[in-house]
Structure formats: structure tokens, C-alpha cells
Amino acid sequence: MTVLPYLVAGWIFLVGVYGLVTSRNLIHAVGCLAVAQSATYVLLLAVGYRRGGTAPVFSDVPPDRRVVDPVVQALALTDIVVGATVTALLLALVVQLRKRHGTVDPDALSDLKG
């Protein structure tokens, strides 16, 4: 078992969080959040990987053959769909903020605090 995919996932997450913290634009912040969330794809694939494993199609695989975990693959696919949905929703909210307040700068929107 190698630690490289876990390091890559951590690096991608840190790059996304750094961009999110230093962002001066809400569209850029949504993009950085999507990058940070994409680290979970790498993490899930690293968890589900088996050296020498084949696809989880059991019709022609001998019983002693190692296969990868299909649940992790389903979770990765679900994660991709949820990430795309959340990104689309956040971008729609940014568009509405731009229409109503004329800016996508988070500092200019500080007047909205109650």
C-alpha cells in the first residue's frame, strides 16, 4: 500500500482551501471549493484500489480472483454528482447576488450583516 494517493488528496484539498481563504471574488471561491471537494475523489479511489484487482463483474471471474470494491466506485460517482450540483447551486446564488447588489466581492457584501 502506497501513501502517494493520500498525499495527493491532501495537497489538492490544501490548494483548494488556500484559494478559498485568499479569494477576493465569489466565483473564484466557488471554483476553489470545487477543487477542495475534488480531493475526495482521489481519496475514495485510493481507498477502493486493490493491487491486482479486476472490475467487479462476477460473470467470468474465477472465485479466487481479487476484485475492487464496487461500493467505493458508487460513492465516488455519487460524490461527483453531488459536487456538480452544489457547484451549480452556488454559482446560481452568486449570479443572484450580482443582480441584486451589483458586486461579487465579499468585502462589499459585508453591509448585509444583520
Protein backbone atom coordinates (compact mmCIF):
# COMPACT_ATOMS: atom_id res chain seq x y z
CA MET A 1 0.00 0.00 0.00
CA THR A 2 1.42 3.35 -1.02
CA VAL A 3 0.83 6.66 0.68
CA LEU A 4 1.12 8.74 -2.51
CA PRO A 5 -2.64 8.97 -3.32
CA TYR A 6 -3.36 10.16 0.21
CA LEU A 7 -0.68 12.84 -0.08
CA VAL A 8 -2.08 13.92 -3.45
CA ALA A 9 -5.59 14.14 -1.97
CA GLY A 10 -4.30 16.22 0.94
CA TRP A 11 -2.36 18.51 -1.40
CA ILE A 12 -5.40 19.07 -3.65
CA PHE A 13 -7.52 19.82 -0.58
CA LEU A 14 -5.00 22.31 0.79
CA VAL A 15 -4.68 24.08 -2.57
CA GLY A 16 -8.47 24.44 -2.73
CA VAL A 17 -8.76 25.71 0.85
CA TYR A 18 -5.88 28.17 0.31
CA GLY A 19 -7.64 29.54 -2.77
CA LEU A 20 -10.90 29.75 -0.85
CA VAL A 21 -9.31 31.68 2.02
CA THR A 22 -7.46 34.13 -0.22
CA SER A 23 -10.27 34.66 -2.72
CA ARG A 24 -11.49 38.17 -3.45
CA ASN A 25 -14.25 37.03 -5.80
CA LEU A 26 -17.19 34.76 -5.05
CA ILE A 27 -16.94 32.97 -8.41
CA HIS A 28 -13.30 32.19 -7.67
CA ALA A 29 -14.33 30.99 -4.20
CA VAL A 30 -16.89 28.58 -5.69
CA GLY A 31 -14.22 27.23 -8.04
CA CYS A 32 -11.78 26.75 -5.18
CA LEU A 33 -14.46 24.97 -3.16
CA ALA A 34 -14.98 22.61 -6.10
CA VAL A 35 -11.23 21.93 -6.20
CA ALA A 36 -11.16 21.21 -2.47
CA GLN A 37 -14.13 18.90 -2.86
CA SER A 38 -12.43 17.05 -5.71
CA ALA A 39 -9.80 15.81 -3.27
CA THR A 40 -12.44 13.39 -2.01
CA TYR A 41 -12.48 11.70 -5.44
CA VAL A 42 -8.81 10.88 -5.14
CA LEU A 43 -9.28 9.77 -1.54
CA LEU A 44 -12.16 7.45 -2.40
CA LEU A 45 -10.28 5.95 -5.32
CA ALA A 46 -7.25 5.39 -3.10
CA VAL A 47 -9.38 3.62 -0.51
CA GLY A 48 -11.05 1.38 -3.09
CA TYR A 49 -7.91 0.45 -5.05
CA ARG A 50 -6.64 -3.13 -4.81
CA ARG A 51 -3.38 -4.14 -6.44
CA GLY A 52 -4.08 -6.84 -9.00
CA GLY A 53 -7.84 -6.36 -8.68
CA THR A 54 -10.22 -6.57 -11.60
CA ALA A 55 -13.55 -4.97 -12.33
CA PRO A 56 -16.40 -6.17 -10.09
CA VAL A 57 -18.16 -8.12 -12.85
CA PHE A 58 -18.57 -11.61 -11.47
CA SER A 59 -19.86 -13.48 -14.53
CA ASP A 60 -16.46 -14.54 -15.86
CA VAL A 61 -14.14 -14.05 -12.87
CA PRO A 62 -12.83 -17.11 -11.00
CA PRO A 63 -13.81 -17.19 -7.30
CA ASP A 64 -10.22 -16.81 -6.09
CA ARG A 65 -9.59 -13.63 -8.14
CA ARG A 66 -9.33 -10.28 -6.30
CA VAL A 67 -11.81 -7.60 -7.32
CA VAL A 68 -12.06 -3.93 -6.40
CA ASP A 69 -14.81 -2.73 -4.10
CA PRO A 70 -17.84 -1.57 -6.13
CA VAL A 71 -19.27 0.39 -3.20
CA VAL A 72 -16.34 2.82 -3.27
CA GLN A 73 -16.83 3.31 -7.00
CA ALA A 74 -20.51 4.08 -6.43
CA LEU A 75 -19.59 6.54 -3.68
CA ALA A 76 -17.11 8.30 -5.97
CA LEU A 77 -19.74 8.63 -8.69
CA THR A 78 -22.27 9.95 -6.17
CA ASP A 79 -19.66 12.40 -4.90
CA ILE A 80 -19.12 13.72 -8.43
CA VAL A 81 -22.85 14.24 -8.96
CA VAL A 82 -23.34 15.96 -5.60
CA GLY A 83 -20.29 18.16 -6.19
CA ALA A 84 -21.57 19.28 -9.58
CA THR A 85 -25.00 20.03 -8.10
CA VAL A 86 -23.59 22.05 -5.21
CA THR A 87 -21.31 24.00 -7.56
CA ALA A 88 -24.23 24.82 -9.86
CA LEU A 89 -26.36 25.94 -6.92
CA LEU A 90 -23.60 28.17 -5.53
CA LEU A 91 -22.96 29.72 -8.94
CA ALA A 92 -26.69 30.45 -9.28
CA LEU A 93 -26.61 32.16 -5.88
CA VAL A 94 -23.60 34.23 -6.97
CA VAL A 95 -25.47 35.30 -10.11
CA GLN A 96 -28.42 36.41 -7.96
CA LEU A 97 -26.09 38.33 -5.64
CA ARG A 98 -24.57 40.07 -8.64
CA LYS A 99 -28.02 41.01 -9.95
CA ARG A 100 -29.28 42.35 -6.62
CA HIS A 101 -26.17 44.01 -5.21
CA GLY A 102 -24.01 44.67 -8.27
CA THR A 103 -20.85 43.01 -6.95
CA VAL A 104 -19.27 39.63 -6.28
CA ASP A 105 -16.66 41.00 -3.86
CA PRO A 106 -17.21 39.52 -0.37
CA ASP A 107 -15.95 42.69 1.35
CA ALA A 108 -18.53 44.82 -0.45
CA LEU A 109 -21.26 42.49 0.77
CA SER A 110 -20.35 42.99 4.44
CA ASP A 111 -23.15 45.56 4.72
CA LEU A 112 -25.64 42.70 4.51
CA LYS A 113 -24.84 41.54 8.04
CA GLY A 114 -27.74 41.88 10.45
